[in-house]
Amino acid sequence: MLTRFMGPRYRELAKNWIPTVGMWSAVGAVGLVWMTDWRLILDWVPYINGKFKKDD
């Protein structure tokens, strides 16, 4: 449906911006983890979750 509204010029522009948008998304995700409580987010990662067991 979206290709109906986008001409070949805009499709080519969108294809060229995919790596840039992907990189900024990754930077934003790392920034979000850095700004928030990193344990809250990294507890959902299976490998890292086992490294930081709580001593209760």
C-alpha atoms as a PDB file:
ATOM      1  CA  MET A   1       0.000   0.000   0.000  1.00  0.00           C
ATOM      2  CA  LEU A   2       2.828   2.375   0.842  1.00  0.00           C
ATOM      3  CA  THR A   3       4.527   1.719  -2.502  1.00  0.00           C
ATOM      4  CA  ARG A   4       1.437   3.035  -4.249  1.00  0.00           C
ATOM      5  CA  PHE A   5       2.040   6.489  -2.768  1.00  0.00           C
ATOM      6  CA  MET A   6       5.816   6.428  -3.064  1.00  0.00           C
ATOM      7  CA  GLY A   7       7.393   6.883  -6.431  1.00  0.00           C
ATOM      8  CA  PRO A   8      10.719   5.337  -7.465  1.00  0.00           C
ATOM      9  CA  ARG A   9      12.626   8.419  -6.312  1.00  0.00           C
ATOM     10  CA  TYR A  10      11.279   8.206  -2.773  1.00  0.00           C
ATOM     11  CA  ARG A  11      11.797   4.447  -2.652  1.00  0.00           C
ATOM     12  CA  GLU A  12      15.459   4.982  -3.541  1.00  0.00           C
ATOM     13  CA  LEU A  13      15.812   7.716  -0.902  1.00  0.00           C
ATOM     14  CA  ALA A  14      14.234   5.479   1.735  1.00  0.00           C
ATOM     15  CA  LYS A  15      16.572   2.638   0.784  1.00  0.00           C
ATOM     16  CA  ASN A  16      19.578   4.937   1.196  1.00  0.00           C
ATOM     17  CA  TRP A  17      18.453   6.065   4.675  1.00  0.00           C
ATOM     18  CA  ILE A  18      17.980   2.553   6.113  1.00  0.00           C
ATOM     19  CA  PRO A  19      21.590   2.210   7.456  1.00  0.00           C
ATOM     20  CA  THR A  20      21.489   5.690   9.004  1.00  0.00           C
ATOM     21  CA  VAL A  21      18.163   5.081  10.715  1.00  0.00           C
ATOM     22  CA  GLY A  22      19.386   1.708  11.956  1.00  0.00           C
ATOM     23  CA  MET A  23      22.537   3.225  13.430  1.00  0.00           C
ATOM     24  CA  TRP A  24      20.658   6.041  15.182  1.00  0.00           C
ATOM     25  CA  SER A  25      18.173   3.507  16.546  1.00  0.00           C
ATOM     26  CA  ALA A  26      21.026   1.478  18.010  1.00  0.00           C
ATOM     27  CA  VAL A  27      22.573   4.616  19.525  1.00  0.00           C
ATOM     28  CA  GLY A  28      19.196   5.557  20.989  1.00  0.00           C
ATOM     29  CA  ALA A  29      18.737   2.085  22.485  1.00  0.00           C
ATOM     30  CA  VAL A  30      22.191   2.193  24.108  1.00  0.00           C
ATOM     31  CA  GLY A  31      21.453   5.705  25.380  1.00  0.00           C
ATOM     32  CA  LEU A  32      18.173   4.524  26.867  1.00  0.00           C
ATOM     33  CA  VAL A  33      19.920   1.689  28.702  1.00  0.00           C
ATOM     34  CA  TRP A  34      22.587   4.129  29.911  1.00  0.00           C
ATOM     35  CA  MET A  35      20.071   6.693  31.179  1.00  0.00           C
ATOM     36  CA  THR A  36      17.778   4.209  32.907  1.00  0.00           C
ATOM     37  CA  ASP A  37      18.524   1.581  35.498  1.00  0.00           C
ATOM     38  CA  TRP A  38      20.698  -0.779  33.469  1.00  0.00           C
ATOM     39  CA  ARG A  39      19.831  -3.781  35.665  1.00  0.00           C
ATOM     40  CA  LEU A  40      16.152  -3.299  34.940  1.00  0.00           C
ATOM     41  CA  ILE A  41      16.714  -3.704  31.203  1.00  0.00           C
ATOM     42  CA  LEU A  42      19.625  -6.159  31.202  1.00  0.00           C
ATOM     43  CA  ASP A  43      17.786  -8.575  33.482  1.00  0.00           C
ATOM     44  CA  TRP A  44      15.809  -9.552  30.379  1.00  0.00           C
ATOM     45  CA  VAL A  45      18.963 -10.587  28.474  1.00  0.00           C
ATOM     46  CA  PRO A  46      19.427 -14.320  29.190  1.00  0.00           C
ATOM     47  CA  TYR A  47      23.257 -14.502  29.243  1.00  0.00           C
ATOM     48  CA  ILE A  48      23.756 -11.341  31.292  1.00  0.00           C
ATOM     49  CA  ASN A  49      20.909 -12.182  33.657  1.00  0.00           C
ATOM     50  CA  GLY A  50      22.857 -15.153  35.085  1.00  0.00           C
ATOM     51  CA  LYS A  51      25.941 -13.059  35.861  1.00  0.00           C
ATOM     52  CA  PHE A  52      24.240 -10.726  38.320  1.00  0.00           C
ATOM     53  CA  LYS A  53      22.388 -12.967  40.745  1.00  0.00           C
ATOM     54  CA  LYS A  54      21.095 -11.200  43.838  1.00  0.00           C
ATOM     55  CA  ASP A  55      22.533 -12.374  47.148  1.00  0.00           C
ATOM     56  CA  ASP A  56      19.423 -12.803  49.276  1.00  0.00           C
END
